[in-house]
Amino acid sequence: MIETINEAIEVVSVCTNGKMHPLRLRWKGKVVKVKRITGEWRKNEGEARVYYYSILGENSDYFEICYDSRTLIWTLCRVWLEG
């Protein structure tokens, strides 16, 4: 079941060729390694650009996270936990 979260989270990411790639996130004190990025898109919200990523964790859980370029904050938007 997909659950809406909308909580600020910590994310480790790298930028290569002008694109950001999340590598790990921390949510509720647990670190989740990104196994695969399954989708990415962006939205313009006023003058800010928000980058969205759907990712598969190494434990087969799905996460939708976003990065707001105005606030520099990562947010866990939605989650689908397998277990």
Protein backbone atom coordinates (compact mmCIF):
# COMPACT_ATOMS: atom_id res chain seq x y z
CA MET A 1 0.00 0.00 0.00
CA ILE A 2 1.32 3.41 -0.93
CA GLU A 3 1.51 5.78 2.02
CA THR A 4 1.91 9.55 1.78
CA ILE A 5 4.64 10.75 4.15
CA ASN A 6 5.86 14.30 3.28
CA GLU A 7 8.72 14.38 5.83
CA ALA A 8 12.11 16.03 5.49
CA ILE A 9 14.85 13.41 5.14
CA GLU A 10 18.61 13.23 4.71
CA VAL A 11 19.87 12.12 1.31
CA VAL A 12 23.35 11.41 0.02
CA SER A 13 23.57 12.12 -3.69
CA VAL A 14 26.11 12.77 -6.42
CA CYS A 15 25.95 15.06 -9.42
CA THR A 16 27.32 13.77 -12.70
CA ASN A 17 26.95 15.43 -16.06
CA GLY A 18 24.65 18.02 -14.54
CA LYS A 19 22.21 15.43 -13.12
CA MET A 20 21.63 14.54 -9.48
CA HIS A 21 21.57 10.87 -8.45
CA PRO A 22 20.39 9.89 -4.95
CA LEU A 23 22.54 7.13 -3.45
CA ARG A 24 21.17 6.71 0.10
CA LEU A 25 18.46 8.16 2.28
CA ARG A 26 17.85 8.20 6.00
CA TRP A 27 14.30 7.90 7.28
CA LYS A 28 13.26 7.15 10.87
CA GLY A 29 16.91 6.51 11.73
CA LYS A 30 17.28 3.80 9.06
CA VAL A 31 19.60 4.11 6.09
CA VAL A 32 18.25 2.86 2.77
CA LYS A 33 20.63 2.25 -0.11
CA VAL A 34 19.24 3.05 -3.54
CA LYS A 35 19.23 -0.07 -5.66
CA ARG A 36 17.75 1.59 -8.74
CA ILE A 37 16.20 4.89 -9.79
CA THR A 38 12.98 3.89 -11.53
CA GLY A 39 11.83 7.35 -12.56
CA GLU A 40 12.70 11.02 -12.37
CA TRP A 41 10.87 14.19 -13.29
CA ARG A 42 10.76 17.83 -12.29
CA LYS A 43 8.17 20.51 -11.70
CA ASN A 44 8.45 24.26 -11.67
CA GLU A 45 6.82 25.73 -8.59
CA GLY A 46 6.99 29.49 -8.93
CA GLU A 47 10.63 30.35 -9.39
CA ALA A 48 11.79 27.11 -7.80
CA ARG A 49 12.37 23.80 -9.51
CA VAL A 50 11.52 20.60 -7.63
CA TYR A 51 13.21 17.36 -8.68
CA TYR A 52 11.36 14.09 -8.07
CA TYR A 53 12.78 10.58 -8.00
CA SER A 54 11.11 7.23 -7.61
CA ILE A 55 13.60 4.77 -6.25
CA LEU A 56 13.81 1.11 -5.36
CA GLY A 57 15.61 0.37 -2.11
CA GLU A 58 17.85 -2.66 -1.78
CA ASN A 59 15.13 -4.27 0.37
CA SER A 60 12.55 -3.93 -2.47
CA ASP A 61 10.72 -0.99 -0.86
CA TYR A 62 9.73 1.89 -3.16
CA PHE A 63 10.22 5.52 -2.25
CA GLU A 64 9.24 8.76 -3.94
CA ILE A 65 11.52 11.59 -2.86
CA CYS A 66 11.95 15.17 -4.02
CA TYR A 67 14.52 17.93 -3.79
CA ASP A 68 13.41 21.56 -3.65
CA SER A 69 16.06 23.79 -5.23
CA ARG A 70 14.70 26.82 -3.36
CA THR A 71 14.90 25.39 0.17
CA LEU A 72 17.64 22.78 -0.51
CA ILE A 73 15.52 20.26 1.41
CA TRP A 74 14.91 16.64 0.49
CA THR A 75 11.46 15.28 1.28
CA LEU A 76 10.13 11.74 1.42
CA CYS A 77 6.83 12.14 -0.42
CA ARG A 78 5.45 8.61 -0.56
CA VAL A 79 6.54 5.11 0.31
CA TRP A 80 5.49 1.56 -0.48
CA LEU A 81 6.98 -0.90 1.99
CA GLU A 82 7.18 -4.55 0.97
CA GLY A 83 7.50 -6.01 4.43
